N, C-alpha and C. Protein backbone atom coordinates (compact mmCIF):
# COMPACT_ATOMS: atom_id res chain seq x y z
N MET A 1 114.89 115.55 130.57
CA MET A 1 114.26 114.61 129.83
C MET A 1 113.05 114.77 129.47
N PRO A 2 112.61 115.13 128.32
CA PRO A 2 111.24 115.23 128.21
C PRO A 2 110.00 114.10 128.68
N LYS A 3 108.99 114.58 129.49
CA LYS A 3 108.10 113.55 129.62
C LYS A 3 107.10 113.10 128.37
N PRO A 4 107.04 111.87 128.34
CA PRO A 4 106.17 111.34 127.29
C PRO A 4 104.68 111.83 127.19
N PHE A 5 104.02 112.08 126.05
CA PHE A 5 102.70 112.63 125.82
C PHE A 5 101.68 111.35 126.59
N SER A 6 100.89 112.02 127.42
CA SER A 6 100.08 111.18 128.28
C SER A 6 98.94 110.47 127.32
N LEU A 7 98.59 111.04 126.35
CA LEU A 7 97.23 110.87 125.33
C LEU A 7 97.96 110.24 124.37
N GLN A 8 99.59 109.76 124.22
CA GLN A 8 99.93 108.78 122.76
C GLN A 8 98.88 107.68 122.50
N PRO A 9 98.27 106.91 123.49
CA PRO A 9 97.66 105.72 123.47
C PRO A 9 96.32 106.09 122.48
N LEU A 10 95.60 107.28 122.77
CA LEU A 10 94.44 107.58 122.17
C LEU A 10 94.96 108.35 120.65
N VAL A 11 96.35 108.85 120.69
CA VAL A 11 96.58 109.14 119.34
C VAL A 11 96.77 108.05 118.42
N SER A 12 97.36 107.13 118.99
CA SER A 12 97.44 105.89 118.28
C SER A 12 96.21 105.29 117.78
N LEU A 13 95.30 105.29 118.52
CA LEU A 13 93.91 104.57 118.17
C LEU A 13 93.15 105.55 117.51
N ALA A 14 93.18 106.72 117.24
CA ALA A 14 92.60 107.66 116.53
C ALA A 14 93.22 107.78 115.33
N GLN A 15 94.64 107.06 115.22
CA GLN A 15 95.27 107.01 114.00
C GLN A 15 94.61 105.97 112.94
N GLN A 16 94.53 104.72 114.13
CA GLN A 16 93.98 103.37 113.67
C GLN A 16 92.54 103.62 113.02
N GLN A 17 91.71 104.29 113.54
CA GLN A 17 90.43 104.53 113.18
C GLN A 17 90.29 105.33 112.05
N CYS A 18 91.24 106.10 112.05
CA CYS A 18 90.72 107.20 110.87
C CYS A 18 91.50 106.34 109.65
N ASP A 19 92.62 105.19 109.62
CA ASP A 19 93.05 104.75 108.56
C ASP A 19 92.07 103.75 107.97
N ALA A 20 91.29 102.99 109.52
CA ALA A 20 90.35 102.13 108.85
C ALA A 20 89.06 102.64 108.12
N THR A 21 88.83 103.78 108.78
CA THR A 21 87.62 104.57 108.19
C THR A 21 87.94 105.01 106.86
N THR A 22 89.29 105.20 106.60
CA THR A 22 89.67 105.89 104.93
C THR A 22 89.70 104.67 104.23
N LYS A 23 89.92 103.37 104.81
CA LYS A 23 89.71 102.34 103.93
C LYS A 23 88.48 101.93 103.77
N LYS A 24 87.69 101.96 104.65
CA LYS A 24 86.07 101.68 104.68
C LYS A 24 85.64 102.39 103.54
N PHE A 25 85.97 103.65 103.48
CA PHE A 25 85.23 104.95 102.56
C PHE A 25 85.61 104.65 101.11
N GLY A 26 86.93 104.39 100.94
CA GLY A 26 87.29 103.53 99.57
C GLY A 26 86.80 102.45 99.11
N LEU A 27 86.17 101.64 99.89
CA LEU A 27 85.35 100.12 99.47
C LEU A 27 84.08 100.78 99.27
N LEU A 28 83.66 101.82 100.12
CA LEU A 28 81.96 102.24 99.79
C LEU A 28 82.35 102.69 98.44
N ASN A 29 83.28 103.43 98.19
CA ASN A 29 83.47 104.16 97.04
C ASN A 29 83.23 103.66 95.91
N GLN A 30 84.07 102.55 95.91
CA GLN A 30 84.19 101.37 94.59
C GLN A 30 82.94 100.84 94.76
N GLN A 31 82.31 100.69 95.72
CA GLN A 31 80.75 99.82 95.46
C GLN A 31 79.98 100.60 94.74
N GLN A 32 79.84 101.88 95.09
CA GLN A 32 78.87 102.83 94.65
C GLN A 32 79.46 102.73 92.93
N GLN A 33 80.42 103.13 92.64
CA GLN A 33 80.90 103.30 91.13
C GLN A 33 80.47 102.07 90.34
N ALA A 34 80.68 100.86 91.08
CA ALA A 34 80.25 99.68 90.20
C ALA A 34 78.93 99.58 90.28
N ALA A 35 77.96 99.89 91.28
CA ALA A 35 76.44 100.09 90.85
C ALA A 35 76.44 101.20 89.86
N GLN A 36 77.20 102.20 89.92
CA GLN A 36 76.37 103.23 88.76
C GLN A 36 76.68 102.93 87.48
N THR A 37 77.95 102.09 87.67
CA THR A 37 78.32 101.45 86.27
C THR A 37 77.49 100.34 85.83
N LYS A 38 76.84 99.37 86.76
CA LYS A 38 76.02 98.87 86.16
C LYS A 38 74.53 99.11 85.67
N LEU A 39 74.15 100.03 86.49
CA LEU A 39 73.04 101.07 86.22
C LEU A 39 72.95 101.73 84.87
N ASP A 40 74.32 102.33 84.66
CA ASP A 40 74.65 102.96 83.12
C ASP A 40 74.47 102.08 82.03
N THR A 41 74.71 100.76 82.54
CA THR A 41 75.05 99.70 81.28
C THR A 41 73.56 99.37 80.97
N LEU A 42 73.02 98.95 82.08
CA LEU A 42 71.27 98.43 82.00
C LEU A 42 70.65 99.68 81.24
N LEU A 43 70.82 100.88 81.29
CA LEU A 43 69.90 102.11 80.97
C LEU A 43 70.48 102.04 79.19
N GLN A 44 71.75 101.89 79.16
CA GLN A 44 72.29 101.54 77.55
C GLN A 44 71.66 100.65 76.74
N TYR A 45 71.78 99.42 77.51
CA TYR A 45 71.30 98.21 76.95
C TYR A 45 69.58 98.38 76.61
N ARG A 46 69.02 98.98 77.54
CA ARG A 46 67.46 99.32 77.34
C ARG A 46 67.36 100.11 76.16
N LYS A 47 68.25 101.13 76.27
CA LYS A 47 68.17 102.03 74.91
C LYS A 47 68.04 101.50 73.77
N ASP A 48 69.22 100.56 73.65
CA ASP A 48 69.71 99.90 72.34
C ASP A 48 68.50 99.00 71.96
N TYR A 49 67.90 98.21 72.83
CA TYR A 49 66.76 97.36 72.72
C TYR A 49 65.73 97.99 72.29
N GLN A 50 65.48 99.10 72.73
CA GLN A 50 64.35 99.61 72.43
C GLN A 50 64.62 100.25 70.94
N ILE A 51 65.58 100.85 70.74
CA ILE A 51 65.79 100.92 69.00
C ILE A 51 65.71 99.51 68.17
N ARG A 52 66.23 98.60 68.62
CA ARG A 52 66.01 97.31 68.29
C ARG A 52 64.66 96.88 67.57
N PHE A 53 63.91 97.19 68.96
CA PHE A 53 62.24 97.20 68.94
C PHE A 53 61.76 98.04 67.82
N GLN A 54 61.77 98.94 67.80
CA GLN A 54 61.44 99.97 66.94
C GLN A 54 61.75 99.65 65.11
N ASP A 55 62.89 99.12 65.36
CA ASP A 55 63.16 98.78 63.88
C ASP A 55 62.61 97.48 63.52
N ALA A 56 62.50 96.57 64.37
CA ALA A 56 61.72 95.52 64.01
C ALA A 56 60.45 95.77 63.91
N MET A 57 59.69 96.98 64.31
CA MET A 57 58.21 97.13 64.38
C MET A 57 58.03 97.80 63.17
N GLN A 58 59.02 98.22 62.48
CA GLN A 58 59.11 98.85 61.15
C GLN A 58 59.05 97.92 60.24
N ASN A 59 59.64 96.75 60.42
CA ASN A 59 60.13 95.62 59.48
C ASN A 59 58.58 94.65 59.54
N GLY A 60 57.81 94.84 60.40
CA GLY A 60 56.97 93.99 60.83
C GLY A 60 57.29 92.79 61.66
N LEU A 61 56.37 92.58 63.01
CA LEU A 61 56.39 91.80 63.64
C LEU A 61 55.28 90.85 63.81
N ASN A 62 55.44 89.33 64.10
CA ASN A 62 54.06 88.89 64.04
C ASN A 62 53.82 89.13 65.88
N GLN A 63 52.83 88.23 66.32
CA GLN A 63 52.33 88.56 67.54
C GLN A 63 53.49 88.11 68.79
N ILE A 64 54.00 87.00 68.51
CA ILE A 64 54.69 85.98 69.34
C ILE A 64 56.18 87.19 69.56
N GLU A 65 56.77 87.36 68.40
CA GLU A 65 57.96 88.46 68.64
C GLU A 65 57.74 89.71 69.15
N LEU A 66 56.43 90.24 69.06
CA LEU A 66 55.95 91.73 69.64
C LEU A 66 56.04 91.30 71.39
N ARG A 67 55.49 90.11 71.49
CA ARG A 67 55.15 90.10 72.71
C ARG A 67 56.42 89.51 73.74
N ASN A 68 57.43 88.86 72.83
CA ASN A 68 58.88 88.66 73.51
C ASN A 68 59.49 90.08 73.53
N PHE A 69 59.43 91.04 72.75
CA PHE A 69 60.12 92.24 72.86
C PHE A 69 59.44 93.01 74.27
N GLN A 70 58.34 92.85 74.58
CA GLN A 70 57.60 93.64 75.32
C GLN A 70 57.83 93.10 76.69
N ASP A 71 58.27 91.80 76.64
CA ASP A 71 58.51 91.02 78.19
C ASP A 71 59.88 91.30 78.33
N PHE A 72 60.53 91.32 77.61
CA PHE A 72 62.26 91.66 77.76
C PHE A 72 62.03 93.07 77.97
N ILE A 73 61.69 93.90 77.62
CA ILE A 73 61.76 95.46 77.88
C ILE A 73 61.29 95.74 79.51
N LEU A 74 60.17 94.80 79.51
CA LEU A 74 59.61 94.93 80.91
C LEU A 74 60.49 94.16 82.08
N ARG A 75 61.33 93.32 81.72
CA ARG A 75 62.17 92.75 82.50
C ARG A 75 63.28 93.57 82.84
N LEU A 76 63.93 94.41 81.57
CA LEU A 76 64.85 95.13 81.65
C LEU A 76 64.25 96.42 82.77
N ASP A 77 63.27 97.24 82.32
CA ASP A 77 62.77 97.86 83.14
C ASP A 77 62.53 97.20 84.97
N GLU A 78 62.38 96.16 84.95
CA GLU A 78 62.43 95.93 86.37
C GLU A 78 63.92 96.06 87.13
N ALA A 79 64.90 95.26 86.10
CA ALA A 79 66.26 95.53 86.46
C ALA A 79 66.84 96.82 86.81
N ILE A 80 66.29 97.64 85.95
CA ILE A 80 66.75 99.29 86.08
C ILE A 80 66.03 99.53 87.23
N ALA A 81 64.84 99.39 87.95
CA ALA A 81 64.44 99.93 88.93
C ALA A 81 64.95 99.24 90.37
N GLN A 82 65.44 97.78 89.78
CA GLN A 82 66.20 97.34 91.24
C GLN A 82 67.78 97.98 91.35
N GLN A 83 68.28 98.06 90.35
CA GLN A 83 69.55 98.63 90.31
C GLN A 83 69.65 100.09 90.49
N ARG A 84 68.37 100.89 90.66
CA ARG A 84 68.51 102.45 91.17
C ARG A 84 68.37 102.33 92.45
N LYS A 85 67.84 101.21 92.89
CA LYS A 85 67.50 101.32 94.45
C LYS A 85 68.61 100.68 95.06
N SER A 86 69.58 99.81 94.36
CA SER A 86 70.89 99.58 94.86
C SER A 86 71.97 100.76 94.58
N ASN A 87 71.92 101.58 93.52
CA ASN A 87 72.67 102.38 93.60
C ASN A 87 72.32 103.88 94.66
N ASP A 88 71.01 103.71 94.72
CA ASP A 88 70.62 104.62 95.88
C ASP A 88 71.12 104.36 97.04
N HIS A 89 71.36 103.03 97.44
CA HIS A 89 71.69 102.55 99.03
C HIS A 89 72.97 102.71 99.04
N ALA A 90 73.60 102.31 98.05
CA ALA A 90 75.28 102.47 97.76
C ALA A 90 75.53 104.22 98.12
N LEU A 91 74.73 104.95 97.50
CA LEU A 91 75.13 106.47 97.63
C LEU A 91 74.86 106.90 99.13
N SER A 92 73.90 106.15 99.58
CA SER A 92 73.42 106.42 101.17
C SER A 92 74.66 105.96 102.26
N LEU A 93 75.20 104.93 102.03
CA LEU A 93 76.36 104.42 102.76
C LEU A 93 77.68 105.08 102.33
N LEU A 94 77.94 105.47 100.74
CA LEU A 94 79.07 106.36 100.70
C LEU A 94 78.68 107.72 101.63
N GLN A 95 77.55 108.32 101.54
CA GLN A 95 77.49 109.76 102.35
C GLN A 95 77.60 109.23 103.66
N ILE A 96 77.10 108.40 104.20
CA ILE A 96 77.57 107.90 105.86
C ILE A 96 79.15 107.72 106.05
N GLY A 97 79.61 107.04 105.29
CA GLY A 97 80.91 106.88 105.15
C GLY A 97 81.64 108.09 105.06
N ARG A 98 81.32 108.85 104.21
CA ARG A 98 81.94 110.46 104.35
C ARG A 98 82.19 111.12 105.30
N THR A 99 80.70 111.07 106.28
CA THR A 99 80.57 111.59 107.42
C THR A 99 81.35 111.15 108.41
N GLU A 100 81.64 109.86 108.42
CA GLU A 100 82.22 109.02 109.28
C GLU A 100 83.92 109.56 109.21
N LEU A 101 84.38 109.49 108.35
CA LEU A 101 85.63 109.63 107.78
C LEU A 101 86.08 111.10 108.11
N LEU A 102 85.02 112.27 107.77
CA LEU A 102 85.58 113.19 108.21
C LEU A 102 85.44 113.81 109.67
N ALA A 103 84.86 112.66 110.33
CA ALA A 103 84.62 112.85 111.79
C ALA A 103 86.08 112.37 112.55
N ALA A 104 86.39 111.28 111.83
CA ALA A 104 87.67 110.52 112.30
C ALA A 104 88.68 111.35 111.92
N GLN A 105 88.84 112.19 110.79
CA GLN A 105 89.79 112.95 110.80
C GLN A 105 89.87 114.27 111.52
N ARG A 106 88.60 114.68 111.71
CA ARG A 106 88.72 115.92 112.97
C ARG A 106 89.13 115.37 114.15
N LYS A 107 88.74 114.19 114.93
CA LYS A 107 89.41 113.66 115.96
C LYS A 107 90.81 113.85 115.78
N MET A 108 91.39 112.97 114.97
CA MET A 108 92.69 112.72 114.64
C MET A 108 93.36 114.19 114.87
N LYS A 109 93.06 115.22 114.02
CA LYS A 109 93.36 116.35 113.73
C LYS A 109 93.49 117.11 115.31
N SER A 110 92.79 116.73 116.10
CA SER A 110 92.37 117.24 117.49
C SER A 110 93.65 116.98 118.37
N PHE A 111 93.68 115.37 118.14
CA PHE A 111 95.00 114.84 119.04
C PHE A 111 96.01 115.33 118.49
N ASP A 112 96.19 115.18 117.13
CA ASP A 112 97.75 115.98 116.54
C ASP A 112 98.04 117.31 117.30
N THR A 113 96.79 117.80 117.29
CA THR A 113 96.93 119.48 117.92
C THR A 113 97.64 119.27 119.26
N LEU A 114 96.97 118.53 120.23
CA LEU A 114 97.30 118.49 121.39
C LEU A 114 98.66 117.97 121.75
N ALA A 115 99.21 116.82 120.57
CA ALA A 115 100.34 116.24 120.85
C ALA A 115 101.41 117.08 120.46
N GLN A 116 101.06 118.24 119.63
CA GLN A 116 102.08 119.14 118.91
C GLN A 116 102.11 120.20 120.29
N ARG A 117 101.21 120.75 121.00
CA ARG A 117 101.47 121.41 121.58
C ARG A 117 102.25 121.09 122.90
N HIS A 118 102.06 119.68 123.35
CA HIS A 118 102.77 119.10 124.48
C HIS A 118 104.30 118.96 123.97
N VAL A 119 104.62 118.50 122.53
CA VAL A 119 106.28 118.89 122.41
C VAL A 119 106.79 120.11 122.31
N GLU A 120 105.75 121.28 122.17
CA GLU A 120 106.03 122.42 122.08
C GLU A 120 106.37 122.98 123.73
N ASN A 121 105.64 122.46 124.45
CA ASN A 121 105.82 122.96 125.72
C ASN A 121 107.01 122.14 126.48
N GLU A 122 107.18 120.83 125.93
CA GLU A 122 108.33 120.02 126.38
C GLU A 122 109.74 121.17 125.73
N LYS A 123 109.47 121.43 124.80
CA LYS A 123 110.49 122.37 124.19
C LYS A 123 111.26 123.49 124.96
N LYS A 124 109.71 124.16 125.36
CA LYS A 124 110.11 125.42 126.13
C LYS A 124 110.60 125.01 127.51
N LEU A 125 110.32 123.82 128.13
CA LEU A 125 110.79 123.69 129.38
C LEU A 125 112.23 123.40 129.54
N ALA A 126 112.47 122.52 128.21
CA ALA A 126 113.84 122.11 128.14
C ALA A 126 114.79 123.31 127.86
N ALA A 127 114.26 124.44 127.28
CA ALA A 127 115.29 125.57 126.84
C ALA A 127 115.16 126.37 127.78
N LYS A 128 114.25 126.42 129.28
CA LYS A 128 114.42 127.13 130.05
C LYS A 128 115.37 126.43 131.17
N ALA A 129 115.37 124.72 131.32
CA ALA A 129 116.06 124.13 131.74
C ALA A 129 117.54 124.28 131.77
N GLU A 130 117.97 124.64 130.16
CA GLU A 130 119.23 124.64 129.37
C GLU A 130 119.84 126.16 130.18
N GLN A 131 118.61 127.07 130.01
CA GLN A 131 119.32 128.25 130.12
C GLN A 131 119.55 128.31 131.68
N ARG A 132 118.92 127.94 132.46
CA ARG A 132 119.23 127.87 134.08
C ARG A 132 120.52 127.66 134.25
N GLN A 133 120.88 126.29 133.61
CA GLN A 133 122.53 125.72 133.48
C GLN A 133 123.00 126.55 133.14
N GLN A 134 122.96 126.90 132.13
CA GLN A 134 124.28 128.06 131.38
C GLN A 134 124.18 129.12 132.61
N ASP A 135 123.11 129.87 133.32
CA ASP A 135 122.96 130.94 134.01
C ASP A 135 123.96 130.49 135.47
N GLU A 136 123.82 129.13 136.01
CA GLU A 136 124.65 128.71 136.96
C GLU A 136 125.85 128.67 136.77
N HIS A 137 126.14 128.20 135.70
CA HIS A 137 127.72 127.78 135.36
C HIS A 137 128.14 129.24 135.05
N SER A 138 127.57 130.04 134.29
CA SER A 138 128.19 131.47 134.37
C SER A 138 128.38 132.55 135.42
N GLY A 139 127.27 131.98 136.51
CA GLY A 139 127.65 132.44 137.81
C GLY A 139 128.64 132.00 138.62
N ARG A 140 128.82 130.72 138.46
CA ARG A 140 130.10 130.08 139.46
C ARG A 140 131.38 130.50 138.74
N ILE A 141 131.35 130.68 137.25
CA ILE A 141 132.55 131.06 136.45
C ILE A 141 133.28 132.64 137.06
N SER A 142 132.07 133.46 137.15
CA SER A 142 132.02 134.87 137.74
C SER A 142 132.72 134.88 138.67
N ALA A 143 131.92 134.10 139.83
CA ALA A 143 132.48 134.11 141.28
C ALA A 143 133.79 133.40 141.68
N ILE A 144 134.08 132.56 140.51
CA ILE A 144 135.60 132.17 140.58
C ILE A 144 136.76 133.03 140.20
N LYS A 145 136.33 133.85 139.43
CA LYS A 145 137.29 135.01 138.52
C LYS A 145 137.10 136.15 139.61
N SER A 146 136.00 136.43 140.40
CA SER A 146 135.94 137.38 141.41
C SER A 146 136.91 137.01 142.62
N GLU A 147 136.91 135.78 143.08
CA GLU A 147 137.71 135.23 144.03
C GLU A 147 139.37 135.44 143.61
N ALA A 148 139.48 135.14 142.36
CA ALA A 148 140.78 135.07 141.85
C ALA A 148 141.53 136.46 141.81
N ALA A 149 140.30 137.45 141.51
CA ALA A 149 140.82 138.72 141.56
C ALA A 149 141.04 139.30 142.70
N GLU A 150 140.55 138.87 143.86
CA GLU A 150 140.50 139.33 145.23
C GLU A 150 141.73 138.93 145.82
N ASN A 151 142.19 137.61 145.54
CA ASN A 151 143.25 136.99 145.83
C ASN A 151 144.48 137.67 145.56
N GLU A 152 144.45 138.13 144.25
CA GLU A 152 145.77 138.87 143.62
C GLU A 152 146.00 140.14 144.21
N ASN A 153 145.00 140.72 145.02
CA ASN A 153 145.01 142.20 145.47
C ASN A 153 145.42 141.91 146.76
């Protein structure tokens, strides 16, 4: 009977950690993509608003309209700067998550390798034990046949 792998609890724990790290990485990836999408949207909105501003300038603006356009563009620039920071932060968290995921995968692979070696070793031991039993059985049959042949003579 093969003996159980003594490190199996650690293999299970490593698998759970790897699964949790994979899930966390997926969430971090979604958060970073959302931050990037928001940044892209703000940049496009600023570009569109800048075009509207230039068109309005060509058609003539009074002082209040000019000030409103400038204030709004300033607020957009502030929102873009803040969103860039948010996106940079999400990118750094994503990189940390990637590093953690790779470490968890390496750990899991190491334990898998140890478990596979254990299984292979147990198979070899079982094969040797079976061969030994077959040899003993063959030896007994040979001894019985030899005795029977001697008794006939």
